[in-house]
N, C-alpha and C. Protein backbone atom coordinates (compact mmCIF):
# COMPACT_ATOMS: atom_id res chain seq x y z
N UNK A 1 -9.62 -1.57 -11.49
CA UNK A 1 -9.09 -1.24 -10.17
C UNK A 1 -9.80 -2.07 -9.12
N UNK A 2 -9.88 -1.53 -7.91
CA UNK A 2 -10.47 -2.28 -6.82
C UNK A 2 -11.98 -2.14 -6.81
N UNK A 3 -12.59 -2.80 -5.87
CA UNK A 3 -14.05 -2.82 -5.75
C UNK A 3 -14.65 -1.44 -6.01
N UNK A 4 -15.67 -1.42 -6.83
CA UNK A 4 -16.27 -0.17 -7.26
C UNK A 4 -17.23 0.40 -6.21
N UNK A 5 -16.71 0.66 -5.04
CA UNK A 5 -17.49 1.38 -4.04
C UNK A 5 -16.77 2.69 -3.77
N UNK A 6 -17.53 3.68 -3.38
CA UNK A 6 -16.93 4.97 -3.08
C UNK A 6 -15.89 4.85 -1.98
N UNK A 7 -16.17 4.04 -0.97
CA UNK A 7 -15.27 3.90 0.17
C UNK A 7 -13.94 3.29 -0.24
N UNK A 8 -13.98 2.21 -1.02
CA UNK A 8 -12.74 1.56 -1.45
C UNK A 8 -11.93 2.44 -2.37
N UNK A 9 -12.61 3.09 -3.30
CA UNK A 9 -11.90 3.98 -4.22
C UNK A 9 -11.30 5.17 -3.49
N UNK A 10 -12.04 5.73 -2.56
CA UNK A 10 -11.54 6.85 -1.77
C UNK A 10 -10.33 6.42 -0.95
N UNK A 11 -10.42 5.27 -0.29
CA UNK A 11 -9.31 4.78 0.52
C UNK A 11 -8.08 4.55 -0.34
N UNK A 12 -8.24 3.91 -1.47
CA UNK A 12 -7.13 3.67 -2.40
C UNK A 12 -6.50 4.98 -2.85
N UNK A 13 -7.33 5.94 -3.23
CA UNK A 13 -6.82 7.24 -3.67
C UNK A 13 -6.07 7.96 -2.55
N UNK A 14 -6.62 7.93 -1.35
CA UNK A 14 -5.95 8.59 -0.22
C UNK A 14 -4.59 7.97 0.06
N UNK A 15 -4.54 6.67 0.00
CA UNK A 15 -3.28 5.96 0.27
C UNK A 15 -2.24 6.29 -0.79
N UNK A 16 -2.62 6.20 -2.06
CA UNK A 16 -1.64 6.49 -3.11
C UNK A 16 -1.22 7.96 -3.10
N UNK A 17 -2.13 8.87 -2.81
CA UNK A 17 -1.77 10.29 -2.72
C UNK A 17 -0.79 10.53 -1.56
N UNK A 18 -1.02 9.87 -0.43
CA UNK A 18 -0.09 10.01 0.71
C UNK A 18 1.28 9.46 0.33
N UNK A 19 1.31 8.35 -0.40
CA UNK A 19 2.59 7.79 -0.86
C UNK A 19 3.30 8.76 -1.79
N UNK A 20 2.58 9.30 -2.76
CA UNK A 20 3.17 10.23 -3.70
C UNK A 20 3.67 11.49 -3.01
N UNK A 21 2.93 11.98 -2.02
CA UNK A 21 3.33 13.22 -1.34
C UNK A 21 4.62 13.06 -0.57
N UNK A 22 4.97 11.83 -0.21
CA UNK A 22 6.21 11.57 0.53
C UNK A 22 7.25 10.87 -0.33
N UNK A 23 7.07 10.97 -1.66
CA UNK A 23 8.06 10.51 -2.63
C UNK A 23 8.31 9.00 -2.61
N UNK A 24 7.25 8.22 -2.41
CA UNK A 24 7.38 6.77 -2.54
C UNK A 24 7.70 6.45 -3.99
N UNK A 25 8.36 5.32 -4.20
CA UNK A 25 8.67 4.92 -5.57
C UNK A 25 7.99 3.60 -5.91
N UNK A 26 7.84 3.37 -7.22
CA UNK A 26 7.32 2.10 -7.74
C UNK A 26 6.00 1.71 -7.07
N UNK A 27 5.02 2.60 -7.10
CA UNK A 27 3.72 2.34 -6.48
C UNK A 27 2.87 1.50 -7.44
N UNK A 28 2.35 0.39 -6.92
CA UNK A 28 1.46 -0.46 -7.70
C UNK A 28 0.25 -0.86 -6.87
N UNK A 29 -0.86 -1.06 -7.57
CA UNK A 29 -2.09 -1.54 -6.95
C UNK A 29 -2.36 -2.91 -7.55
N UNK A 30 -2.50 -3.92 -6.69
CA UNK A 30 -2.85 -5.26 -7.13
C UNK A 30 -4.30 -5.53 -6.80
N UNK A 31 -5.13 -5.66 -7.82
CA UNK A 31 -6.54 -5.98 -7.63
C UNK A 31 -6.63 -7.49 -7.46
N UNK A 32 -6.99 -7.94 -6.26
CA UNK A 32 -7.03 -9.36 -5.92
C UNK A 32 -8.43 -9.94 -5.97
N UNK A 33 -9.41 -9.17 -6.39
CA UNK A 33 -10.79 -9.64 -6.34
C UNK A 33 -11.03 -10.86 -7.21
N UNK A 34 -10.33 -10.99 -8.31
CA UNK A 34 -10.53 -12.14 -9.18
C UNK A 34 -9.60 -13.31 -8.87
N UNK A 35 -8.80 -13.18 -7.82
CA UNK A 35 -7.84 -14.21 -7.47
C UNK A 35 -8.43 -15.11 -6.39
N UNK A 36 -8.44 -16.39 -6.67
CA UNK A 36 -9.00 -17.35 -5.72
C UNK A 36 -8.19 -17.35 -4.43
N UNK A 37 -8.88 -17.41 -3.30
CA UNK A 37 -8.27 -17.47 -1.96
C UNK A 37 -7.49 -16.21 -1.58
N UNK A 38 -7.82 -15.08 -2.19
CA UNK A 38 -7.13 -13.85 -1.81
C UNK A 38 -7.55 -13.42 -0.41
N UNK A 39 -6.65 -12.74 0.26
CA UNK A 39 -6.87 -12.35 1.65
C UNK A 39 -7.57 -11.01 1.80
N UNK A 40 -7.65 -10.26 0.70
CA UNK A 40 -8.29 -8.95 0.72
C UNK A 40 -8.65 -8.60 -0.72
N UNK A 41 -9.22 -7.43 -0.93
CA UNK A 41 -9.59 -6.99 -2.27
C UNK A 41 -8.40 -6.40 -3.03
N UNK A 42 -7.46 -5.83 -2.29
CA UNK A 42 -6.44 -5.04 -2.95
C UNK A 42 -5.18 -4.93 -2.09
N UNK A 43 -4.02 -5.03 -2.72
CA UNK A 43 -2.74 -4.67 -2.13
C UNK A 43 -2.30 -3.37 -2.79
N UNK A 44 -1.78 -2.46 -2.00
CA UNK A 44 -1.11 -1.29 -2.54
C UNK A 44 0.33 -1.37 -2.04
N UNK A 45 1.27 -1.37 -2.97
CA UNK A 45 2.67 -1.62 -2.64
C UNK A 45 3.51 -0.43 -3.10
N UNK A 46 4.49 -0.06 -2.27
CA UNK A 46 5.44 0.98 -2.67
C UNK A 46 6.80 0.70 -2.05
N UNK A 47 7.78 1.43 -2.51
CA UNK A 47 9.14 1.32 -1.98
C UNK A 47 9.59 2.67 -1.43
N UNK A 48 10.44 2.59 -0.42
CA UNK A 48 11.11 3.75 0.13
C UNK A 48 12.61 3.52 0.07
N UNK A 49 13.39 4.59 0.27
CA UNK A 49 14.83 4.46 0.10
C UNK A 49 15.63 4.33 1.38
N UNK A 50 14.97 4.33 2.54
CA UNK A 50 15.65 4.14 3.82
C UNK A 50 14.62 3.71 4.87
N UNK A 51 15.11 3.27 6.01
CA UNK A 51 14.20 2.89 7.10
C UNK A 51 13.37 4.09 7.54
N UNK A 52 13.99 5.25 7.63
CA UNK A 52 13.27 6.45 8.04
C UNK A 52 12.21 6.80 6.99
N UNK A 53 12.54 6.66 5.72
CA UNK A 53 11.59 6.98 4.66
C UNK A 53 10.37 6.07 4.71
N UNK A 54 10.56 4.75 4.89
CA UNK A 54 9.39 3.87 4.93
C UNK A 54 8.54 4.12 6.17
N UNK A 55 9.18 4.51 7.28
CA UNK A 55 8.40 4.88 8.47
C UNK A 55 7.60 6.15 8.21
N UNK A 56 8.19 7.10 7.51
CA UNK A 56 7.50 8.34 7.16
C UNK A 56 6.31 8.05 6.25
N UNK A 57 6.49 7.15 5.30
CA UNK A 57 5.40 6.75 4.42
C UNK A 57 4.26 6.14 5.23
N UNK A 58 4.59 5.22 6.13
CA UNK A 58 3.57 4.58 6.98
C UNK A 58 2.81 5.63 7.78
N UNK A 59 3.54 6.50 8.45
CA UNK A 59 2.91 7.52 9.28
C UNK A 59 2.04 8.47 8.47
N UNK A 60 2.50 8.84 7.29
CA UNK A 60 1.74 9.74 6.42
C UNK A 60 0.44 9.09 5.96
N UNK A 61 0.50 7.83 5.56
CA UNK A 61 -0.71 7.13 5.11
C UNK A 61 -1.73 7.07 6.24
N UNK A 62 -1.30 6.64 7.41
CA UNK A 62 -2.21 6.52 8.55
C UNK A 62 -2.82 7.88 8.89
N UNK A 63 -1.99 8.91 8.91
CA UNK A 63 -2.46 10.26 9.25
C UNK A 63 -3.46 10.79 8.22
N UNK A 64 -3.12 10.68 6.95
CA UNK A 64 -3.98 11.24 5.90
C UNK A 64 -5.32 10.51 5.81
N UNK A 65 -5.30 9.20 5.95
CA UNK A 65 -6.56 8.44 5.91
C UNK A 65 -7.43 8.79 7.11
N UNK A 66 -6.82 8.86 8.29
CA UNK A 66 -7.59 9.21 9.49
C UNK A 66 -8.15 10.62 9.39
N UNK A 67 -7.35 11.54 8.88
CA UNK A 67 -7.80 12.93 8.76
C UNK A 67 -8.95 13.06 7.75
N UNK A 68 -8.86 12.36 6.64
CA UNK A 68 -9.84 12.52 5.57
C UNK A 68 -11.13 11.75 5.81
N UNK A 69 -11.03 10.50 6.28
CA UNK A 69 -12.25 9.68 6.39
C UNK A 69 -12.42 9.04 7.77
N UNK A 70 -11.61 9.46 8.73
CA UNK A 70 -11.75 8.97 10.11
C UNK A 70 -11.58 7.45 10.22
N UNK A 71 -10.82 6.88 9.31
CA UNK A 71 -10.61 5.43 9.28
C UNK A 71 -9.26 5.10 9.92
N UNK A 72 -9.28 4.16 10.87
CA UNK A 72 -8.04 3.69 11.49
C UNK A 72 -7.72 2.30 10.92
N UNK A 73 -6.42 1.98 10.81
CA UNK A 73 -6.09 0.64 10.33
C UNK A 73 -6.53 -0.42 11.33
N UNK A 74 -6.90 -1.58 10.81
CA UNK A 74 -7.25 -2.70 11.67
C UNK A 74 -6.00 -3.24 12.34
N UNK A 75 -4.88 -3.23 11.60
CA UNK A 75 -3.63 -3.77 12.12
C UNK A 75 -2.45 -3.10 11.41
N UNK A 76 -1.37 -2.87 12.16
CA UNK A 76 -0.13 -2.33 11.59
C UNK A 76 1.01 -3.22 12.06
N UNK A 77 1.90 -3.59 11.12
CA UNK A 77 3.06 -4.40 11.47
C UNK A 77 4.33 -3.70 11.06
N UNK A 78 5.36 -3.89 11.85
CA UNK A 78 6.67 -3.33 11.56
C UNK A 78 7.06 -2.30 12.58
N UNK A 79 8.36 -2.20 12.82
CA UNK A 79 8.88 -1.23 13.78
C UNK A 79 9.99 -0.42 13.12
N UNK A 80 10.72 0.34 13.92
CA UNK A 80 11.72 1.25 13.37
C UNK A 80 12.89 0.54 12.68
N UNK A 81 13.04 -0.76 12.88
CA UNK A 81 14.13 -1.50 12.23
C UNK A 81 13.62 -2.41 11.11
N UNK A 82 12.34 -2.37 10.84
CA UNK A 82 11.75 -3.23 9.82
C UNK A 82 12.00 -2.69 8.42
N UNK A 83 12.26 -3.59 7.50
CA UNK A 83 12.44 -3.23 6.10
C UNK A 83 11.17 -3.45 5.30
N UNK A 84 10.12 -3.93 5.97
CA UNK A 84 8.81 -4.16 5.35
C UNK A 84 7.76 -3.78 6.38
N UNK A 85 6.96 -2.78 6.06
CA UNK A 85 5.89 -2.33 6.95
C UNK A 85 4.55 -2.65 6.29
N UNK A 86 3.57 -2.95 7.11
CA UNK A 86 2.26 -3.33 6.60
C UNK A 86 1.18 -2.55 7.33
N UNK A 87 0.22 -2.05 6.58
CA UNK A 87 -0.95 -1.38 7.16
C UNK A 87 -2.17 -2.10 6.61
N UNK A 88 -2.97 -2.65 7.50
CA UNK A 88 -4.13 -3.45 7.10
C UNK A 88 -5.41 -2.69 7.37
N UNK A 89 -6.09 -2.30 6.29
CA UNK A 89 -7.40 -1.67 6.37
C UNK A 89 -8.50 -2.67 6.02
N UNK A 90 -8.27 -3.93 6.24
CA UNK A 90 -9.15 -5.07 5.98
C UNK A 90 -9.29 -5.36 4.49
N UNK A 91 -10.03 -4.56 3.75
CA UNK A 91 -10.19 -4.81 2.31
C UNK A 91 -8.99 -4.33 1.50
N UNK A 92 -8.25 -3.39 2.04
CA UNK A 92 -7.07 -2.83 1.38
C UNK A 92 -5.88 -3.01 2.33
N UNK A 93 -4.83 -3.67 1.83
CA UNK A 93 -3.63 -3.89 2.63
C UNK A 93 -2.47 -3.18 1.94
N UNK A 94 -1.74 -2.38 2.72
CA UNK A 94 -0.63 -1.58 2.22
C UNK A 94 0.69 -2.24 2.63
N UNK A 95 1.60 -2.39 1.66
CA UNK A 95 2.94 -2.92 1.91
C UNK A 95 3.94 -1.84 1.54
N UNK A 96 4.82 -1.52 2.48
CA UNK A 96 5.86 -0.51 2.25
C UNK A 96 7.21 -1.20 2.47
N UNK A 97 8.04 -1.19 1.45
CA UNK A 97 9.30 -1.92 1.48
C UNK A 97 10.50 -1.01 1.24
N UNK A 98 11.66 -1.48 1.72
CA UNK A 98 12.92 -1.03 1.15
C UNK A 98 13.05 -1.75 -0.18
N UNK A 99 13.70 -1.13 -1.16
CA UNK A 99 13.80 -1.73 -2.49
C UNK A 99 14.35 -3.16 -2.45
N UNK A 100 15.46 -3.36 -1.75
CA UNK A 100 16.10 -4.69 -1.74
C UNK A 100 15.19 -5.74 -1.11
N UNK A 101 14.43 -5.36 -0.11
CA UNK A 101 13.52 -6.29 0.55
C UNK A 101 12.34 -6.62 -0.35
N UNK A 102 11.85 -5.63 -1.05
CA UNK A 102 10.75 -5.85 -2.00
C UNK A 102 11.17 -6.82 -3.10
N UNK A 103 12.37 -6.65 -3.62
CA UNK A 103 12.88 -7.55 -4.66
C UNK A 103 13.03 -8.97 -4.11
N UNK A 104 13.50 -9.09 -2.88
CA UNK A 104 13.71 -10.40 -2.27
C UNK A 104 12.40 -11.18 -2.13
N UNK A 105 11.35 -10.52 -1.62
CA UNK A 105 10.08 -11.20 -1.37
C UNK A 105 9.20 -11.32 -2.61
N UNK A 106 9.31 -10.42 -3.54
CA UNK A 106 8.60 -10.50 -4.81
C UNK A 106 7.09 -10.70 -4.69
N UNK A 107 6.44 -9.86 -3.91
CA UNK A 107 4.99 -9.99 -3.71
C UNK A 107 4.23 -9.93 -5.03
N UNK A 108 4.65 -9.06 -5.92
CA UNK A 108 3.96 -8.98 -7.21
C UNK A 108 4.02 -10.32 -7.95
N UNK A 109 5.12 -11.04 -7.81
CA UNK A 109 5.25 -12.36 -8.45
C UNK A 109 4.38 -13.41 -7.75
N UNK A 110 4.28 -13.31 -6.43
CA UNK A 110 3.46 -14.27 -5.67
C UNK A 110 1.98 -14.13 -6.03
N UNK A 111 1.56 -12.92 -6.35
CA UNK A 111 0.17 -12.64 -6.69
C UNK A 111 0.07 -12.27 -8.17
N UNK A 112 0.76 -13.02 -9.01
CA UNK A 112 0.85 -12.72 -10.44
C UNK A 112 -0.50 -12.78 -11.16
N UNK A 113 -1.49 -13.45 -10.58
CA UNK A 113 -2.81 -13.52 -11.20
C UNK A 113 -3.61 -12.23 -11.01
N UNK A 114 -3.12 -11.35 -10.16
CA UNK A 114 -3.83 -10.10 -9.89
C UNK A 114 -3.67 -9.13 -11.06
N UNK A 115 -4.67 -8.27 -11.20
CA UNK A 115 -4.56 -7.15 -12.14
C UNK A 115 -3.67 -6.10 -11.49
N UNK A 116 -2.59 -5.71 -12.16
CA UNK A 116 -1.62 -4.78 -11.59
C UNK A 116 -1.70 -3.44 -12.30
N UNK A 117 -1.84 -2.39 -11.50
CA UNK A 117 -1.88 -1.02 -12.03
C UNK A 117 -0.76 -0.22 -11.40
N UNK A 118 0.08 0.38 -12.23
CA UNK A 118 1.14 1.25 -11.74
C UNK A 118 0.59 2.66 -11.54
N UNK A 119 1.01 3.28 -10.45
CA UNK A 119 0.59 4.66 -10.14
C UNK A 119 1.77 5.57 -10.43
N UNK A 120 1.57 6.47 -11.35
CA UNK A 120 2.64 7.39 -11.76
C UNK A 120 2.54 8.70 -11.00
N UNK A 121 3.68 9.27 -10.71
CA UNK A 121 3.74 10.59 -10.09
C UNK A 121 3.20 11.62 -11.08
N UNK A 122 2.28 12.46 -10.62
CA UNK A 122 1.62 13.44 -11.48
C UNK A 122 2.45 14.71 -11.69
N UNK A 123 3.59 14.80 -11.05
CA UNK A 123 4.40 16.03 -11.16
C UNK A 123 5.28 15.99 -12.37
C-alpha cells in the first residue's frame, strides 16, 4: 500500500471509507512510491454514477477527513458540471470520475507501473 506512516494509512483509510459510505464504485489505490517522477505517494480513484453523486463523494471525503483528523485539502478542482473532481492532500491525491470520463482518460493505464490495489465493499 502507501507509505507506512500512521498519517498516510489513516488518511487513505478515511478516504476509502468515505467513498464506500456514499456507494462509490471501482475504488482503487495506486501506490506511486516506486514510480519514477511521480507527483505524489498515492492516487485513490473511484467512480460515481452522476454529477450529483461525484459531488457528494467529494463533499463526503472532505468532511470525513476534516472531522476525523482536522486535515484540509491543499487543493480541490472541479465544479458542479465537472465529470472529474480532484482532491489534493499533497501525498495522497483523490480522483473522482463519472464512469465514461474515467474510461476516456485511463489514469490507471497512464500510471501502469504503480502497484494497484482494489478496495472492495465490505457489505
